[in-house]
Amino acid sequence: MSDSLLERLADCATEISRAIVGQEGRGYSGERDTQYFLDLAADRVALDMLIGWGYRVVSEESGVSGSGDLTVVVDPIDGSTNCDHGVPFFATSFGVLRDSELIAGLVMNHATGDVYAAERGAGAYRGESRITPSSTTRYDSAIVAFSGLPSRHAGWAQYRALGAASLEICLVADGSLDAYSVARYSTLHPWDYLGGLLIAREAGAHFGEFRGEELVIEERVGRRPYFSSTPELLRHVAGLGIL
């Protein structure tokens, strides 16, 4: 990652990783539903660094702050419950917008240190290695993951519920998962998926939204995206609807 923007985002995620040490297990902050003390610690670091670099910030934890030509949509800790309870699958996710165009994304897996990153038109990477999705086209051969609980078994080979959308999207991008989708009443917000969306798109994965809504937004509104490794698999997931 030679680009200064991605380097800055990676530095910010690294500082967040340090800031949450000792915050695990403290539970909810009481300031907002399902917000943990560790979320607040992570958000303070994100705001200090991103605003200090001259970016406008849209954070899950604190809303809109700062100003600048670029907007960084950030989930300081995606998978907060995993983090607080010691489940090693949680991340920091950044999606960067210039006006309404998604131009960069970075997701750091804090449990492993893996960094997924992409810039528009330049491919997607895990660390220094370029990533591509799997070649799976059949749903009955697919390993799929969901946000939310599916109402029924729909013919997949194996199923996962890992609890951090940004990372699960990146696992579709690098071929570890074949598809990722919301289920039933679940929705995702822009900070959950924007970083992963750019990474998935640059890796060559495919995506849609069940209601046909625009995904590249910054507002605090729910979306129902789905991702897959191949067009054939995407059509199958779309045809199933929200399980």
C-alpha atoms as a PDB file:
ATOM      1  CA  MET A   1       0.000   0.000   0.000  1.00  0.00           C
ATOM      2  CA  SER A   2       2.084   2.883  -1.257  1.00  0.00           C
ATOM      3  CA  ASP A   3      -0.775   5.369  -1.445  1.00  0.00           C
ATOM      4  CA  SER A   4      -0.765   7.848   1.433  1.00  0.00           C
ATOM      5  CA  LEU A   5      -4.529   7.593   1.972  1.00  0.00           C
ATOM      6  CA  LEU A   6      -4.443   3.829   2.499  1.00  0.00           C
ATOM      7  CA  GLU A   7      -1.326   4.154   4.640  1.00  0.00           C
ATOM      8  CA  ARG A   8      -3.115   6.660   6.849  1.00  0.00           C
ATOM      9  CA  LEU A   9      -6.161   4.434   7.193  1.00  0.00           C
ATOM     10  CA  ALA A  10      -3.968   1.477   8.110  1.00  0.00           C
ATOM     11  CA  ASP A  11      -2.167   3.618  10.702  1.00  0.00           C
ATOM     12  CA  CYS A  12      -5.502   4.671  12.168  1.00  0.00           C
ATOM     13  CA  ALA A  13      -6.707   1.075  12.403  1.00  0.00           C
ATOM     14  CA  THR A  14      -3.446   0.089  14.099  1.00  0.00           C
ATOM     15  CA  GLU A  15      -3.901   2.821  16.708  1.00  0.00           C
ATOM     16  CA  ILE A  16      -7.476   1.682  17.288  1.00  0.00           C
ATOM     17  CA  SER A  17      -6.188  -1.840  17.887  1.00  0.00           C
ATOM     18  CA  ARG A  18      -3.921  -0.474  20.619  1.00  0.00           C
ATOM     19  CA  ALA A  19      -6.657   1.708  22.113  1.00  0.00           C
ATOM     20  CA  ILE A  20      -9.085  -1.139  22.744  1.00  0.00           C
ATOM     21  CA  VAL A  21      -6.617  -3.260  24.697  1.00  0.00           C
ATOM     22  CA  GLY A  22      -8.090  -3.584  28.165  1.00  0.00           C
ATOM     23  CA  GLN A  23     -11.543  -2.422  27.042  1.00  0.00           C
ATOM     24  CA  GLU A  24     -12.788  -5.928  26.265  1.00  0.00           C
ATOM     25  CA  GLY A  25     -15.359  -7.245  28.709  1.00  0.00           C
ATOM     26  CA  ARG A  26     -16.433  -3.833  30.053  1.00  0.00           C
ATOM     27  CA  GLY A  27     -19.813  -4.195  28.378  1.00  0.00           C
ATOM     28  CA  TYR A  28     -22.220  -1.534  27.186  1.00  0.00           C
ATOM     29  CA  SER A  29     -21.427   2.161  27.583  1.00  0.00           C
ATOM     30  CA  GLY A  30     -25.031   3.091  28.365  1.00  0.00           C
ATOM     31  CA  GLU A  31     -24.836   6.046  25.984  1.00  0.00           C
ATOM     32  CA  ARG A  32     -26.524   4.310  23.039  1.00  0.00           C
ATOM     33  CA  ASP A  33     -28.181   0.941  22.532  1.00  0.00           C
ATOM     34  CA  THR A  34     -25.640  -1.846  21.858  1.00  0.00           C
ATOM     35  CA  GLN A  35     -22.699   0.574  22.100  1.00  0.00           C
ATOM     36  CA  TYR A  36     -19.756  -0.777  24.083  1.00  0.00           C
ATOM     37  CA  PHE A  37     -17.059   1.074  26.009  1.00  0.00           C
ATOM     38  CA  LEU A  38     -14.590  -0.286  23.474  1.00  0.00           C
ATOM     39  CA  ASP A  39     -16.581   1.413  20.686  1.00  0.00           C
ATOM     40  CA  LEU A  40     -16.090   4.765  22.397  1.00  0.00           C
ATOM     41  CA  ALA A  41     -12.369   4.198  22.841  1.00  0.00           C
ATOM     42  CA  ALA A  42     -12.012   3.244  19.185  1.00  0.00           C
ATOM     43  CA  ASP A  43     -14.097   6.184  18.006  1.00  0.00           C
ATOM     44  CA  ARG A  44     -11.975   8.714  19.897  1.00  0.00           C
ATOM     45  CA  VAL A  45      -8.884   7.507  18.082  1.00  0.00           C
ATOM     46  CA  ALA A  46     -10.639   7.478  14.697  1.00  0.00           C
ATOM     47  CA  LEU A  47     -11.917  11.036  15.073  1.00  0.00           C
ATOM     48  CA  ASP A  48      -8.642  12.440  16.370  1.00  0.00           C
ATOM     49  CA  MET A  49      -6.620  10.977  13.535  1.00  0.00           C
ATOM     50  CA  LEU A  50      -9.025  11.337  10.607  1.00  0.00           C
ATOM     51  CA  ILE A  51     -10.120  14.886  11.408  1.00  0.00           C
ATOM     52  CA  GLY A  52      -6.500  15.787  12.105  1.00  0.00           C
ATOM     53  CA  TRP A  53      -5.638  14.693   8.560  1.00  0.00           C
ATOM     54  CA  GLY A  54      -8.345  16.947   7.163  1.00  0.00           C
ATOM     55  CA  TYR A  55     -11.076  14.430   6.373  1.00  0.00           C
ATOM     56  CA  ARG A  56     -14.789  14.731   6.910  1.00  0.00           C
ATOM     57  CA  VAL A  57     -15.874  11.752   9.029  1.00  0.00           C
ATOM     58  CA  VAL A  58     -19.114   9.795   9.212  1.00  0.00           C
ATOM     59  CA  SER A  59     -18.828   7.394  12.159  1.00  0.00           C
ATOM     60  CA  GLU A  60     -21.291   4.823  13.406  1.00  0.00           C
ATOM     61  CA  GLU A  61     -20.544   5.952  16.937  1.00  0.00           C
ATOM     62  CA  SER A  62     -20.555   9.751  16.655  1.00  0.00           C
ATOM     63  CA  GLY A  63     -22.189  10.772  13.384  1.00  0.00           C
ATOM     64  CA  VAL A  64     -20.776  13.515  11.168  1.00  0.00           C
ATOM     65  CA  SER A  65     -17.771  15.616  12.159  1.00  0.00           C
ATOM     66  CA  GLY A  66     -14.890  17.450  10.552  1.00  0.00           C
ATOM     67  CA  SER A  67     -14.713  18.786   7.025  1.00  0.00           C
ATOM     68  CA  GLY A  68     -12.717  18.106   3.906  1.00  0.00           C
ATOM     69  CA  ASP A  69     -12.843  17.064   0.257  1.00  0.00           C
ATOM     70  CA  LEU A  70     -12.911  13.367   1.219  1.00  0.00           C
ATOM     71  CA  THR A  71     -15.447  11.714   3.507  1.00  0.00           C
ATOM     72  CA  VAL A  72     -14.354   8.681   5.498  1.00  0.00           C
ATOM     73  CA  VAL A  73     -17.262   6.470   6.554  1.00  0.00           C
ATOM     74  CA  VAL A  74     -15.946   4.467   9.493  1.00  0.00           C
ATOM     75  CA  ASP A  75     -17.054   1.693  11.780  1.00  0.00           C
ATOM     76  CA  PRO A  76     -14.380   1.959  14.476  1.00  0.00           C
ATOM     77  CA  ILE A  77     -15.113  -1.591  15.629  1.00  0.00           C
ATOM     78  CA  ASP A  78     -17.232  -3.809  13.420  1.00  0.00           C
ATOM     79  CA  GLY A  79     -18.093  -6.890  15.445  1.00  0.00           C
ATOM     80  CA  SER A  80     -18.153  -5.098  18.805  1.00  0.00           C
ATOM     81  CA  THR A  81     -19.959  -7.951  20.540  1.00  0.00           C
ATOM     82  CA  ASN A  82     -17.340 -10.406  19.287  1.00  0.00           C
ATOM     83  CA  CYS A  83     -14.606  -8.107  20.584  1.00  0.00           C
ATOM     84  CA  ASP A  84     -16.199  -7.538  23.983  1.00  0.00           C
ATOM     85  CA  HIS A  85     -16.837 -11.256  24.494  1.00  0.00           C
ATOM     86  CA  GLY A  86     -13.444 -12.443  23.307  1.00  0.00           C
ATOM     87  CA  VAL A  87     -14.524 -13.887  19.960  1.00  0.00           C
ATOM     88  CA  PRO A  88     -11.542 -13.273  17.629  1.00  0.00           C
ATOM     89  CA  PHE A  89     -13.396 -11.856  14.625  1.00  0.00           C
ATOM     90  CA  PHE A  90     -13.733  -8.056  14.609  1.00  0.00           C
ATOM     91  CA  ALA A  91     -12.423  -5.210  12.495  1.00  0.00           C
ATOM     92  CA  THR A  92     -12.143  -1.541  11.733  1.00  0.00           C
ATOM     93  CA  SER A  93     -13.741  -0.600   8.423  1.00  0.00           C
ATOM     94  CA  PHE A  94     -13.224   2.535   6.307  1.00  0.00           C
ATOM     95  CA  GLY A  95     -15.000   3.513   3.107  1.00  0.00           C
ATOM     96  CA  VAL A  96     -13.796   6.721   1.464  1.00  0.00           C
ATOM     97  CA  LEU A  97     -16.067   8.916  -0.656  1.00  0.00           C
ATOM     98  CA  ARG A  98     -15.229  11.802  -2.945  1.00  0.00           C
ATOM     99  CA  ASP A  99     -18.593  13.489  -3.399  1.00  0.00           C
ATOM    100  CA  SER A 100     -20.815  10.443  -4.034  1.00  0.00           C
ATOM    101  CA  GLU A 101     -18.076   8.226  -5.514  1.00  0.00           C
ATOM    102  CA  LEU A 102     -16.552   5.373  -3.509  1.00  0.00           C
ATOM    103  CA  ILE A 103     -12.818   5.637  -4.146  1.00  0.00           C
ATOM    104  CA  ALA A 104     -11.082   3.573  -1.447  1.00  0.00           C
ATOM    105  CA  GLY A 105     -11.733   0.977   1.213  1.00  0.00           C
ATOM    106  CA  LEU A 106      -9.729  -0.601   4.001  1.00  0.00           C
ATOM    107  CA  VAL A 107     -10.674  -3.239   6.552  1.00  0.00           C
ATOM    108  CA  MET A 108      -8.319  -4.421   9.290  1.00  0.00           C
ATOM    109  CA  ASN A 109      -8.971  -7.714  11.045  1.00  0.00           C
ATOM    110  CA  HIS A 110      -7.767  -6.922  14.560  1.00  0.00           C
ATOM    111  CA  ALA A 111      -7.637 -10.551  15.623  1.00  0.00           C
ATOM    112  CA  THR A 112      -5.162 -11.527  12.894  1.00  0.00           C
ATOM    113  CA  GLY A 113      -3.666  -8.221  11.779  1.00  0.00           C
ATOM    114  CA  ASP A 114      -4.722  -8.858   8.174  1.00  0.00           C
ATOM    115  CA  VAL A 115      -5.401  -5.688   6.204  1.00  0.00           C
ATOM    116  CA  TYR A 116      -7.699  -5.721   3.177  1.00  0.00           C
ATOM    117  CA  ALA A 117      -7.437  -2.633   0.990  1.00  0.00           C
ATOM    118  CA  ALA A 118      -8.467  -1.319  -2.396  1.00  0.00           C
ATOM    119  CA  GLU A 119      -8.527   1.842  -4.448  1.00  0.00           C
ATOM    120  CA  ARG A 120     -10.925   2.375  -7.320  1.00  0.00           C
ATOM    121  CA  GLY A 121      -9.492   0.844 -10.476  1.00  0.00           C
ATOM    122  CA  ALA A 122      -6.388  -0.618  -8.815  1.00  0.00           C
ATOM    123  CA  GLY A 123      -7.434  -4.072  -7.620  1.00  0.00           C
ATOM    124  CA  ALA A 124      -7.853  -5.395  -4.095  1.00  0.00           C
ATOM    125  CA  TYR A 125      -5.239  -6.719  -1.709  1.00  0.00           C
ATOM    126  CA  ARG A 126      -4.777  -8.599   1.545  1.00  0.00           C
ATOM    127  CA  GLY A 127      -1.485  -7.244   2.736  1.00  0.00           C
ATOM    128  CA  GLU A 128       0.758  -7.247  -0.323  1.00  0.00           C
ATOM    129  CA  SER A 129      -1.088 -10.075  -2.103  1.00  0.00           C
ATOM    130  CA  ARG A 130      -3.721  -9.377  -4.714  1.00  0.00           C
ATOM    131  CA  ILE A 131      -6.986 -11.183  -3.992  1.00  0.00           C
ATOM    132  CA  THR A 132      -9.686 -12.706  -6.175  1.00  0.00           C
ATOM    133  CA  PRO A 133     -12.955 -14.452  -5.309  1.00  0.00           C
ATOM    134  CA  SER A 134     -13.672 -18.152  -5.706  1.00  0.00           C
ATOM    135  CA  SER A 135     -14.985 -19.638  -8.933  1.00  0.00           C
ATOM    136  CA  THR A 136     -18.007 -21.276  -7.290  1.00  0.00           C
ATOM    137  CA  THR A 137     -21.142 -21.107  -9.414  1.00  0.00           C
ATOM    138  CA  ARG A 138     -23.405 -23.707  -7.739  1.00  0.00           C
ATOM    139  CA  TYR A 139     -25.250 -22.841  -4.550  1.00  0.00           C
ATOM    140  CA  ASP A 140     -25.195 -26.455  -3.390  1.00  0.00           C
ATOM    141  CA  SER A 141     -21.380 -26.224  -3.416  1.00  0.00           C
ATOM    142  CA  ALA A 142     -21.205 -22.815  -1.765  1.00  0.00           C
ATOM    143  CA  ILE A 143     -20.023 -21.800   1.686  1.00  0.00           C
ATOM    144  CA  VAL A 144     -22.266 -18.874   2.599  1.00  0.00           C
ATOM    145  CA  ALA A 145     -22.526 -16.455   5.507  1.00  0.00           C
ATOM    146  CA  PHE A 146     -25.402 -14.307   6.729  1.00  0.00           C
ATOM    147  CA  SER A 147     -26.153 -11.287   8.835  1.00  0.00           C
ATOM    148  CA  GLY A 148     -29.239 -12.417  10.701  1.00  0.00           C
ATOM    149  CA  LEU A 149     -30.860 -15.827  10.941  1.00  0.00           C
ATOM    150  CA  PRO A 150     -32.179 -17.427   7.730  1.00  0.00           C
ATOM    151  CA  SER A 151     -35.709 -18.738   8.004  1.00  0.00           C
ATOM    152  CA  ARG A 152     -34.830 -22.030   6.304  1.00  0.00           C
ATOM    153  CA  HIS A 153     -32.058 -24.061   4.741  1.00  0.00           C
ATOM    154  CA  ALA A 154     -31.973 -23.019   1.097  1.00  0.00           C
ATOM    155  CA  GLY A 155     -29.557 -25.595  -0.291  1.00  0.00           C
ATOM    156  CA  TRP A 156     -26.116 -24.213   0.520  1.00  0.00           C
ATOM    157  CA  ALA A 157     -23.246 -26.599   1.237  1.00  0.00           C
ATOM    158  CA  GLN A 158     -22.196 -24.931   4.508  1.00  0.00           C
ATOM    159  CA  TYR A 159     -23.339 -21.900   6.491  1.00  0.00           C
ATOM    160  CA  ARG A 160     -21.570 -19.408   8.775  1.00  0.00           C
ATOM    161  CA  ALA A 161     -22.676 -16.497  10.974  1.00  0.00           C
ATOM    162  CA  LEU A 162     -19.478 -14.691  11.963  1.00  0.00           C
ATOM    163  CA  GLY A 163     -20.742 -11.358  13.260  1.00  0.00           C
ATOM    164  CA  ALA A 164     -18.670  -8.722  11.422  1.00  0.00           C
ATOM    165  CA  ALA A 165     -20.063  -7.742   8.019  1.00  0.00           C
ATOM    166  CA  SER A 166     -17.034  -5.871   6.722  1.00  0.00           C
ATOM    167  CA  LEU A 167     -14.791  -8.882   7.261  1.00  0.00           C
ATOM    168  CA  GLU A 168     -17.302 -11.345   5.860  1.00  0.00           C
ATOM    169  CA  ILE A 169     -17.530  -9.288   2.670  1.00  0.00           C
ATOM    170  CA  CYS A 170     -13.733  -9.339   2.461  1.00  0.00           C
ATOM    171  CA  LEU A 171     -13.826 -13.123   2.815  1.00  0.00           C
ATOM    172  CA  VAL A 172     -16.002 -13.231  -0.295  1.00  0.00           C
ATOM    173  CA  ALA A 173     -13.475 -10.967  -2.005  1.00  0.00           C
ATOM    174  CA  ASP A 174     -10.563 -13.296  -1.234  1.00  0.00           C
ATOM    175  CA  GLY A 175     -12.406 -16.551  -1.948  1.00  0.00           C
ATOM    176  CA  SER A 176     -12.728 -17.823   1.628  1.00  0.00           C
ATOM    177  CA  LEU A 177     -16.523 -17.506   1.412  1.00  0.00           C
ATOM    178  CA  ASP A 178     -18.604 -17.892  -1.728  1.00  0.00           C
ATOM    179  CA  ALA A 179     -21.490 -15.612  -0.740  1.00  0.00           C
ATOM    180  CA  TYR A 180     -22.623 -13.244   2.003  1.00  0.00           C
ATOM    181  CA  SER A 181     -26.109 -11.876   2.485  1.00  0.00           C
ATOM    182  CA  VAL A 182     -28.543 -10.368   4.946  1.00  0.00           C
ATOM    183  CA  ALA A 183     -31.350 -12.596   6.208  1.00  0.00           C
ATOM    184  CA  ARG A 184     -34.917 -11.927   7.348  1.00  0.00           C
ATOM    185  CA  TYR A 185     -35.051  -8.685   9.351  1.00  0.00           C
ATOM    186  CA  SER A 186     -31.356  -7.847   9.232  1.00  0.00           C
ATOM    187  CA  THR A 187     -30.083  -4.687   7.580  1.00  0.00           C
ATOM    188  CA  LEU A 188     -26.630  -3.154   7.265  1.00  0.00           C
ATOM    189  CA  HIS A 189     -25.564   0.494   7.392  1.00  0.00           C
ATOM    190  CA  PRO A 190     -22.979   2.172   5.156  1.00  0.00           C
ATOM    191  CA  TRP A 191     -20.175   1.900   7.727  1.00  0.00           C
ATOM    192  CA  ASP A 192     -20.799  -1.852   7.876  1.00  0.00           C
ATOM    193  CA  TYR A 193     -20.300  -2.508   4.176  1.00  0.00           C
ATOM    194  CA  LEU A 194     -18.751   0.394   2.219  1.00  0.00           C
ATOM    195  CA  GLY A 195     -15.129  -0.566   2.808  1.00  0.00           C
ATOM    196  CA  GLY A 196     -15.844  -4.183   1.993  1.00  0.00           C
ATOM    197  CA  LEU A 197     -17.939  -3.261  -1.018  1.00  0.00           C
ATOM    198  CA  LEU A 198     -15.060  -1.441  -2.720  1.00  0.00           C
ATOM    199  CA  ILE A 199     -12.680  -4.274  -1.864  1.00  0.00           C
ATOM    200  CA  ALA A 200     -15.121  -6.878  -3.211  1.00  0.00           C
ATOM    201  CA  ARG A 201     -15.742  -4.905  -6.388  1.00  0.00           C
ATOM    202  CA  GLU A 202     -12.026  -4.415  -7.063  1.00  0.00           C
ATOM    203  CA  ALA A 203     -11.348  -8.105  -6.376  1.00  0.00           C
ATOM    204  CA  GLY A 204     -13.903  -9.097  -9.001  1.00  0.00           C
ATOM    205  CA  ALA A 205     -16.773 -10.185  -6.746  1.00  0.00           C
ATOM    206  CA  HIS A 206     -20.388  -9.281  -7.447  1.00  0.00           C
ATOM    207  CA  PHE A 207     -23.087  -7.618  -5.361  1.00  0.00           C
ATOM    208  CA  GLY A 208     -26.637  -6.301  -5.291  1.00  0.00           C
ATOM    209  CA  GLU A 209     -29.314  -4.928  -2.980  1.00  0.00           C
ATOM    210  CA  PHE A 210     -32.535  -6.876  -2.466  1.00  0.00           C
ATOM    211  CA  ARG A 211     -34.795  -3.815  -2.817  1.00  0.00           C
ATOM    212  CA  GLY A 212     -32.775  -2.207  -5.593  1.00  0.00           C
ATOM    213  CA  GLU A 213     -31.581   0.606  -3.302  1.00  0.00           C
ATOM    214  CA  GLU A 214     -28.365   2.567  -3.830  1.00  0.00           C
ATOM    215  CA  LEU A 215     -25.538   1.177  -1.693  1.00  0.00           C
ATOM    216  CA  VAL A 216     -22.995   4.001  -1.989  1.00  0.00           C
ATOM    217  CA  ILE A 217     -24.456   6.366   0.601  1.00  0.00           C
ATOM    218  CA  GLU A 218     -23.381   7.891   3.900  1.00  0.00           C
ATOM    219  CA  GLU A 219     -26.738   8.319   5.654  1.00  0.00           C
ATOM    220  CA  ARG A 220     -27.776   6.326   8.723  1.00  0.00           C
ATOM    221  CA  VAL A 221     -30.243   4.154   6.828  1.00  0.00           C
ATOM    222  CA  GLY A 222     -30.464   0.399   6.490  1.00  0.00           C
ATOM    223  CA  ARG A 223     -29.648  -1.489   3.336  1.00  0.00           C
ATOM    224  CA  ARG A 224     -29.983  -5.163   2.393  1.00  0.00           C
ATOM    225  CA  PRO A 225     -26.919  -5.990   0.309  1.00  0.00           C
ATOM    226  CA  TYR A 226     -25.724  -9.374  -0.886  1.00  0.00           C
ATOM    227  CA  PHE A 227     -22.368 -10.444  -2.310  1.00  0.00           C
ATOM    228  CA  SER A 228     -21.104 -13.441  -4.248  1.00  0.00           C
ATOM    229  CA  SER A 229     -18.023 -14.780  -5.954  1.00  0.00           C
ATOM    230  CA  THR A 230     -19.557 -15.239  -9.426  1.00  0.00           C
ATOM    231  CA  PRO A 231     -22.481 -13.828 -11.438  1.00  0.00           C
ATOM    232  CA  GLU A 232     -24.158 -17.241 -11.488  1.00  0.00           C
ATOM    233  CA  LEU A 233     -24.109 -17.448  -7.710  1.00  0.00           C
ATOM    234  CA  LEU A 234     -25.324 -13.865  -7.398  1.00  0.00           C
ATOM    235  CA  ARG A 235     -28.361 -14.628  -9.535  1.00  0.00           C
ATOM    236  CA  HIS A 236     -29.144 -17.605  -7.333  1.00  0.00           C
ATOM    237  CA  VAL A 237     -28.876 -15.567  -4.131  1.00  0.00           C
ATOM    238  CA  ALA A 238     -31.039 -12.824  -5.625  1.00  0.00           C
ATOM    239  CA  GLY A 239     -33.622 -15.387  -6.651  1.00  0.00           C
ATOM    240  CA  LEU A 240     -33.868 -16.736  -3.129  1.00  0.00           C
ATOM    241  CA  GLY A 241     -34.794 -13.300  -1.784  1.00  0.00           C
ATOM    242  CA  ILE A 242     -34.385 -12.483   1.890  1.00  0.00           C
ATOM    243  CA  LEU A 243     -34.548 -15.867   3.587  1.00  0.00           C
END
